[in-house]
Amino acid sequence: MDALQGLTPAAMVERFPELSLAEARRVTAAILRLGTSALDAPLPQLRRGSMAALRERGHVPALTLRSARRSGFDGFEKYLFEGADGALIESVRIPLEQPRRFSLCVSSQVGCALACAFCATGRMGLRRNLEAWEIVDQVIQARARLPAGTRIHGVVFQGMGEPMANLDRVLAAIAAFSEPSGLAIDARAITVCTSGLPSGIRRLAEEAPRVRLGLSIASALPKVRRSLMPIEGAHPLAEVIAAAIEHAQKTRLAPMLAVTLLRGVNDSAEDAAALAALVLDFTARAGVRPRLTLIPYNSIGGEGEGDAEPFERCDAAAEGAFREVLVAAGVFAHRRYSGGGEVGAACGQLAALG
């Protein structure tokens, strides 16, 4: 059976030829309004045969919300969902600077195979891909919990998993997010973040050219990057950057380049100089200046009970010196506010622990 909230109206008509496009749009709107009970009662303006086909071959499943933990400090809210197979999935509601707007950081996989050293999800290994409806349902359920008068403005694929490794379902979810009769999220407010899968970056540009790209770098020095991100061995940063340049040239959207600063690991003057050179070269080749973001390291604990924390957060003096090298080269960096740390919702902390 097809999970209806993972389908756009056009895709719904392909799966259910009995429906007209107008009927499919009404079903999409009803799912947002009624949730899992959308097919329990007759829907207005739906023909009897259309309703029968939906009930016979379609359904509206839902993830089970196990917990919602809201930071009393900055308003970030982390959700722990459970799939029908017992898989645990986390997502985070992020308050934006614009009043009454939120973004949702969603997961695309249960765990992750890429094993980035500064990310708790990477310790889980990959357990499975999420279905498109499971990605969409994270947003639907977060939307249902919104304070009155607020809305989900954007979505960022930066939760658990590597989105480019589950791209078929991620693209299907993006289409559902931006459907006007559904969640109606502007594609330009959707960002897909990757550790660096070039083929996925190129496909994203082709199939979702209004969606933004985020790229985790860790270091512009290959040896340092490989020690932190094993994917460097399979897809060197130069190869990844080449794909990101193609993405920028095709979409005319500036990508976000992200570096999590780790004390004594990737915060040296040499690291900063290499990063500045990368940004300047990217700008010259793509004709678009990437947005460079520095992310403070968030505690992920040791791998076993009593184990020491693997890294330390870069202190203000070291970060300042790092920035000075960037500025001297004409490169400016934004420091991302990484909220929700007290409830395990900050960047790198998602590990389905509640």
Protein backbone atom coordinates (compact mmCIF):
# COMPACT_ATOMS: atom_id res chain seq x y z
CA MET A 1 0.00 0.00 0.00
CA ASP A 2 1.13 3.54 -0.74
CA ALA A 3 1.71 6.03 2.09
CA LEU A 4 -0.21 9.03 0.82
CA GLN A 5 1.64 11.77 2.71
CA GLY A 6 4.82 10.85 0.82
CA LEU A 7 3.20 11.64 -2.53
CA THR A 8 2.55 14.86 -4.38
CA PRO A 9 -0.90 15.14 -6.02
CA ALA A 10 0.67 14.40 -9.41
CA ALA A 11 2.37 11.27 -8.04
CA MET A 12 -0.89 10.29 -6.35
CA VAL A 13 -2.71 10.36 -9.69
CA GLU A 14 -0.01 8.12 -11.20
CA ARG A 15 -0.52 5.56 -8.44
CA PHE A 16 -4.30 5.98 -8.35
CA PRO A 17 -5.57 6.66 -11.90
CA GLU A 18 -9.14 6.72 -10.55
CA LEU A 19 -8.40 10.16 -9.05
CA SER A 20 -8.44 13.47 -10.86
CA LEU A 21 -5.66 15.94 -10.08
CA ALA A 22 -8.16 18.17 -8.28
CA GLU A 23 -9.22 15.24 -6.09
CA ALA A 24 -5.60 14.40 -5.30
CA ARG A 25 -5.04 17.97 -4.18
CA ARG A 26 -8.04 17.74 -1.86
CA VAL A 27 -6.67 14.51 -0.39
CA THR A 28 -3.28 16.16 0.19
CA ALA A 29 -4.95 19.05 2.03
CA ALA A 30 -7.10 16.63 4.06
CA ILE A 31 -4.07 14.65 5.21
CA LEU A 32 -2.59 17.81 6.73
CA ARG A 33 -5.90 18.65 8.40
CA LEU A 34 -7.02 15.20 9.56
CA GLY A 35 -3.83 13.13 9.73
CA THR A 36 -4.25 9.37 9.97
CA SER A 37 -8.06 9.69 9.98
CA ALA A 38 -8.10 11.34 6.54
CA LEU A 39 -9.52 8.22 4.86
CA ASP A 40 -11.92 7.23 7.65
CA ALA A 41 -14.79 9.48 6.59
CA PRO A 42 -16.00 10.60 3.17
CA LEU A 43 -14.09 13.60 1.90
CA PRO A 44 -16.04 16.45 0.29
CA GLN A 45 -15.98 16.59 -3.50
CA LEU A 46 -14.40 13.15 -3.87
CA ARG A 47 -16.16 10.62 -6.10
CA ARG A 48 -17.13 7.29 -4.57
CA GLY A 49 -14.79 5.34 -6.87
CA SER A 50 -11.87 7.59 -6.00
CA MET A 51 -12.46 7.13 -2.29
CA ALA A 52 -12.73 3.36 -2.71
CA ALA A 53 -9.41 3.20 -4.58
CA LEU A 54 -7.65 5.22 -1.89
CA ARG A 55 -9.01 3.01 0.89
CA GLU A 56 -8.09 -0.16 -0.96
CA ARG A 57 -4.54 0.70 -2.03
CA GLY A 58 -3.50 3.69 0.06
CA HIS A 59 -3.05 4.54 3.71
CA VAL A 60 -1.91 7.38 5.95
CA PRO A 61 0.58 5.94 8.45
CA ALA A 62 2.30 7.97 11.13
CA LEU A 63 5.47 7.87 13.16
CA THR A 64 4.90 7.52 16.88
CA LEU A 65 6.03 10.56 18.84
CA ARG A 66 7.87 9.18 21.86
CA SER A 67 9.03 12.47 23.38
CA ALA A 68 9.31 16.19 22.80
CA ARG A 69 11.96 18.05 24.78
CA ARG A 70 12.04 21.83 24.63
CA SER A 71 15.03 23.90 25.69
CA GLY A 72 14.05 26.43 28.31
CA PHE A 73 17.00 28.56 27.24
CA ASP A 74 16.49 29.15 23.52
CA GLY A 75 13.26 27.43 22.49
CA PHE A 76 14.76 24.65 20.37
CA GLU A 77 12.54 21.56 20.58
CA LYS A 78 13.73 18.01 19.87
CA TYR A 79 11.35 15.24 18.82
CA LEU A 80 12.00 11.54 19.20
CA PHE A 81 9.91 9.44 16.81
CA GLU A 82 9.56 5.68 16.50
CA GLY A 83 8.87 3.85 13.25
CA ALA A 84 6.71 0.75 12.90
CA ASP A 85 9.86 -1.40 13.07
CA GLY A 86 11.04 0.21 16.31
CA ALA A 87 13.58 2.48 14.59
CA LEU A 88 14.20 5.72 16.49
CA ILE A 89 14.41 9.01 14.61
CA GLU A 90 15.09 12.54 15.83
CA SER A 91 14.31 15.96 14.42
CA VAL A 92 14.61 19.48 15.82
CA ARG A 93 12.33 22.52 15.61
CA ILE A 94 14.44 25.65 15.33
CA PRO A 95 13.09 29.14 16.10
CA LEU A 96 14.10 31.65 13.43
CA GLU A 97 14.96 35.32 13.82
CA GLN A 98 11.82 36.28 11.93
CA PRO A 99 8.89 36.38 14.36
CA ARG A 100 6.49 33.41 14.33
CA ARG A 101 8.65 31.31 12.02
CA PHE A 102 10.40 28.00 12.59
CA SER A 103 12.64 25.70 10.58
CA LEU A 104 12.70 21.96 11.07
CA CYS A 105 15.93 19.96 10.99
CA VAL A 106 14.86 16.56 9.66
CA SER A 107 16.46 13.13 9.49
CA SER A 108 16.75 11.15 6.26
CA GLN A 109 18.20 7.90 7.64
CA VAL A 110 18.28 5.92 10.86
CA GLY A 111 21.92 6.35 11.81
CA CYS A 112 24.63 7.13 9.27
CA ALA A 113 27.35 5.19 7.49
CA LEU A 114 29.83 8.06 7.11
CA ALA A 115 31.20 8.04 10.67
CA CYS A 116 32.25 11.70 10.94
CA ALA A 117 34.29 11.85 14.13
CA PHE A 118 32.54 14.90 15.59
CA CYS A 119 28.98 13.60 15.07
CA ALA A 120 27.07 11.34 17.47
CA THR A 121 24.90 9.94 14.65
CA GLY A 122 28.00 8.57 12.94
CA ARG A 123 28.62 6.26 15.90
CA MET A 124 25.31 4.50 15.26
CA GLY A 125 26.27 3.13 11.86
CA LEU A 126 23.61 2.97 9.18
CA ARG A 127 20.51 1.04 10.15
CA ARG A 128 18.20 1.93 7.28
CA ASN A 129 16.94 4.67 4.98
CA LEU A 130 13.78 6.53 5.87
CA GLU A 131 10.84 6.33 3.50
CA ALA A 132 9.66 9.59 1.93
CA TRP A 133 6.53 9.59 4.09
CA GLU A 134 8.63 9.20 7.25
CA ILE A 135 10.57 12.33 6.30
CA VAL A 136 7.38 14.24 5.50
CA ASP A 137 5.66 13.07 8.68
CA GLN A 138 8.37 14.64 10.82
CA VAL A 139 7.29 18.02 9.47
CA ILE A 140 3.57 17.27 9.64
CA GLN A 141 3.81 16.32 13.31
CA ALA A 142 6.03 19.29 14.19
CA ARG A 143 3.56 21.54 12.39
CA ALA A 144 0.70 20.13 14.48
CA ARG A 145 2.55 21.18 17.66
CA LEU A 146 3.22 24.76 16.61
CA PRO A 147 2.12 27.64 18.82
CA ALA A 148 -0.89 29.51 17.43
CA GLY A 149 -0.05 32.02 14.74
CA THR A 150 3.29 30.43 13.79
CA ARG A 151 4.40 28.28 10.86
CA ILE A 152 7.13 26.02 9.51
CA HIS A 153 9.02 28.33 7.16
CA GLY A 154 11.83 26.02 6.09
CA VAL A 155 13.35 22.56 6.27
CA VAL A 156 17.00 21.60 6.58
CA PHE A 157 18.21 18.05 5.94
CA GLN A 158 20.84 18.05 8.66
CA GLY A 159 19.42 15.59 11.16
CA MET A 160 20.36 11.93 11.31
CA GLY A 161 21.85 10.45 8.14
CA GLU A 162 23.42 11.46 4.83
CA PRO A 163 20.63 12.83 2.60
CA MET A 164 22.53 12.22 -0.65
CA ALA A 165 22.69 8.50 0.21
CA ASN A 166 18.87 8.36 0.25
CA LEU A 167 18.27 10.85 -2.51
CA ASP A 168 15.26 9.25 -4.22
CA ARG A 169 13.23 9.56 -1.04
CA VAL A 170 14.69 12.94 -0.11
CA LEU A 171 13.67 14.38 -3.50
CA ALA A 172 10.18 12.90 -3.11
CA ALA A 173 9.90 14.50 0.33
CA ILE A 174 11.08 17.86 -1.03
CA ALA A 175 8.38 17.71 -3.70
CA ALA A 176 5.78 16.99 -1.02
CA PHE A 177 7.07 19.82 1.19
CA SER A 178 6.79 22.40 -1.59
CA GLU A 179 3.39 21.26 -2.88
CA PRO A 180 1.01 24.31 -2.73
CA SER A 181 -1.96 22.20 -1.61
CA GLY A 182 0.18 20.61 1.10
CA LEU A 183 2.87 22.11 3.31
CA ALA A 184 3.57 24.89 0.75
CA ILE A 185 7.18 25.41 1.86
CA ASP A 186 9.17 27.51 -0.61
CA ALA A 187 11.90 25.33 -2.14
CA ARG A 188 14.36 28.18 -1.53
CA ALA A 189 13.76 27.67 2.21
CA ILE A 190 14.84 24.01 1.96
CA THR A 191 18.51 23.09 2.39
CA VAL A 192 20.06 19.69 1.78
CA CYS A 193 23.32 19.24 3.72
CA THR A 194 25.88 16.64 2.71
CA SER A 195 29.27 15.36 3.81
CA GLY A 196 30.20 15.16 0.15
CA LEU A 197 28.63 12.83 -2.42
CA PRO A 198 29.35 14.46 -5.80
CA SER A 199 26.81 12.50 -7.82
CA GLY A 200 24.07 13.50 -5.37
CA ILE A 201 25.08 17.15 -5.52
CA ARG A 202 24.83 17.12 -9.31
CA ARG A 203 21.49 15.33 -9.24
CA LEU A 204 20.12 17.80 -6.70
CA ALA A 205 20.98 20.65 -9.08
CA GLU A 206 19.19 18.89 -11.94
CA GLU A 207 16.04 17.78 -10.14
CA ALA A 208 15.58 20.40 -7.43
CA PRO A 209 17.34 23.55 -8.73
CA ARG A 210 15.64 25.91 -6.27
CA VAL A 211 16.77 23.93 -3.21
CA ARG A 212 19.90 25.11 -1.41
CA LEU A 213 23.05 23.08 -0.80
CA GLY A 214 25.00 22.77 2.44
CA LEU A 215 28.42 21.12 2.52
CA SER A 216 30.30 19.96 5.61
CA ILE A 217 34.04 20.48 5.11
CA ALA A 218 35.71 20.04 8.54
CA SER A 219 39.02 21.14 7.03
CA ALA A 220 40.32 22.28 3.66
CA LEU A 221 43.50 20.31 4.38
CA PRO A 222 42.96 16.80 2.97
CA LYS A 223 44.92 15.00 5.69
CA VAL A 224 43.03 16.74 8.49
CA ARG A 225 39.69 16.28 6.75
CA ARG A 226 40.29 12.58 6.25
CA SER A 227 41.06 12.12 9.95
CA LEU A 228 37.66 13.65 10.77
CA MET A 229 35.55 12.58 7.80
CA PRO A 230 36.39 9.15 6.35
CA ILE A 231 34.43 10.02 3.19
CA GLU A 232 37.49 12.04 2.13
CA GLY A 233 39.10 8.73 1.19
CA ALA A 234 36.35 7.87 -1.30
CA HIS A 235 35.50 11.39 -2.47
CA PRO A 236 38.35 13.89 -2.00
CA LEU A 237 37.30 17.43 -1.21
CA ALA A 238 38.51 18.69 -4.60
CA GLU A 239 36.05 16.33 -6.29
CA VAL A 240 33.25 17.42 -3.99
CA ILE A 241 33.98 21.12 -4.50
CA ALA A 242 33.95 20.61 -8.29
CA ALA A 243 30.40 19.22 -8.00
CA ALA A 244 29.37 22.07 -5.69
CA ILE A 245 30.71 24.58 -8.22
CA GLU A 246 28.58 22.95 -10.92
CA HIS A 247 25.60 23.19 -8.57
CA ALA A 248 26.21 26.91 -8.01
CA GLN A 249 26.67 27.57 -11.72
CA LYS A 250 23.43 25.81 -12.61
CA THR A 251 21.25 27.13 -9.78
CA ARG A 252 22.93 30.50 -9.10
CA LEU A 253 22.47 29.71 -5.41
CA ALA A 254 25.35 30.24 -3.00
CA PRO A 255 26.11 27.05 -1.07
CA MET A 256 26.74 26.98 2.67
CA LEU A 257 30.19 25.64 3.57
CA ALA A 258 30.31 24.50 7.19
CA VAL A 259 33.30 23.86 9.44
CA THR A 260 32.96 22.54 12.97
CA LEU A 261 35.93 24.01 14.83
CA LEU A 262 37.76 21.57 17.10
CA ARG A 263 40.40 22.78 19.51
CA GLY A 264 43.90 21.82 18.41
CA VAL A 265 42.60 19.77 15.47
CA ASN A 266 41.40 22.04 12.66
CA ASP A 267 41.73 25.54 14.13
CA SER A 268 45.31 26.34 13.09
CA ALA A 269 46.46 29.25 10.94
CA GLU A 270 47.31 26.71 8.24
CA ASP A 271 43.73 25.41 8.32
CA ALA A 272 42.36 28.94 8.10
CA ALA A 273 44.62 29.86 5.18
CA ALA A 274 43.62 26.73 3.27
CA LEU A 275 39.95 27.43 3.94
CA ALA A 276 40.29 31.02 2.74
CA ALA A 277 41.99 29.85 -0.44
CA LEU A 278 39.21 27.34 -1.05
CA VAL A 279 36.49 30.00 -0.67
CA LEU A 280 38.27 32.45 -2.97
CA ASP A 281 38.90 29.78 -5.60
CA PHE A 282 35.27 28.66 -5.42
CA THR A 283 34.07 32.24 -5.93
CA ALA A 284 36.34 32.78 -8.90
CA ARG A 285 35.31 29.53 -10.60
CA ALA A 286 31.59 29.53 -9.79
CA GLY A 287 30.86 33.25 -9.95
CA VAL A 288 29.02 32.82 -6.64
CA ARG A 289 30.51 33.46 -3.20
CA PRO A 290 29.73 30.60 -0.81
CA ARG A 291 28.49 31.37 2.67
CA LEU A 292 31.10 30.17 5.15
CA THR A 293 29.77 29.04 8.51
CA LEU A 294 31.81 28.19 11.61
CA ILE A 295 30.06 25.80 13.99
CA PRO A 296 31.05 25.40 17.64
CA TYR A 297 31.67 21.81 18.68
CA ASN A 298 28.89 20.34 20.79
CA SER A 299 29.52 17.57 23.30
CA ILE A 300 28.80 14.05 22.05
CA GLY A 301 30.37 12.22 25.00
CA GLY A 302 32.74 9.27 24.91
CA GLU A 303 31.96 6.12 22.94
CA GLY A 304 31.55 4.10 26.14
CA GLU A 305 30.48 4.91 29.67
CA GLY A 306 33.23 6.86 31.38
CA ASP A 307 35.13 7.53 28.14
CA ALA A 308 36.52 11.00 27.65
CA GLU A 309 34.97 13.49 25.26
CA PRO A 310 36.75 13.05 21.87
CA PHE A 311 37.15 16.79 21.17
CA GLU A 312 37.07 20.18 22.84
CA ARG A 313 35.31 23.31 21.70
CA CYS A 314 37.63 25.88 20.17
CA ASP A 315 38.05 28.77 22.65
CA ALA A 316 37.36 32.41 21.81
CA ALA A 317 41.03 33.34 21.38
CA ALA A 318 41.74 30.51 18.94
CA GLU A 319 38.56 31.22 17.00
CA GLY A 320 39.50 34.89 16.87
CA ALA A 321 42.95 34.08 15.49
CA PHE A 322 41.35 31.74 12.94
CA ARG A 323 39.01 34.53 11.82
CA GLU A 324 41.88 37.00 11.54
CA VAL A 325 43.55 34.79 8.93
CA LEU A 326 40.27 34.57 7.01
CA VAL A 327 39.65 38.31 7.13
CA ALA A 328 43.21 39.10 6.05
CA ALA A 329 42.50 37.05 2.92
CA GLY A 330 39.19 38.83 2.33
CA VAL A 331 36.95 36.00 3.57
CA PHE A 332 34.26 36.50 6.19
CA ALA A 333 32.56 33.75 8.18
CA HIS A 334 29.23 33.52 9.95
CA ARG A 335 29.19 31.83 13.37
CA ARG A 336 26.22 29.53 13.52
CA TYR A 337 24.18 29.61 16.68
CA SER A 338 23.96 25.96 17.66
CA GLY A 339 21.05 25.80 20.07
CA GLY A 340 19.27 23.15 22.04
CA GLY A 341 22.40 21.71 23.63
CA GLU A 342 20.74 21.18 27.00
CA VAL A 343 18.28 18.72 25.40
CA GLY A 344 20.80 17.10 23.02
CA ALA A 345 19.41 18.95 20.01
CA ALA A 346 22.52 20.87 18.87
CA CYS A 347 24.56 20.19 15.74
CA GLY A 348 26.21 16.77 15.90
CA GLN A 349 24.27 15.53 18.93
CA LEU A 350 21.40 13.57 17.38
CA ALA A 351 21.72 9.89 18.23
CA ALA A 352 18.13 8.82 19.00
CA LEU A 353 18.69 8.90 22.74
CA GLY A 354 15.60 10.96 23.56
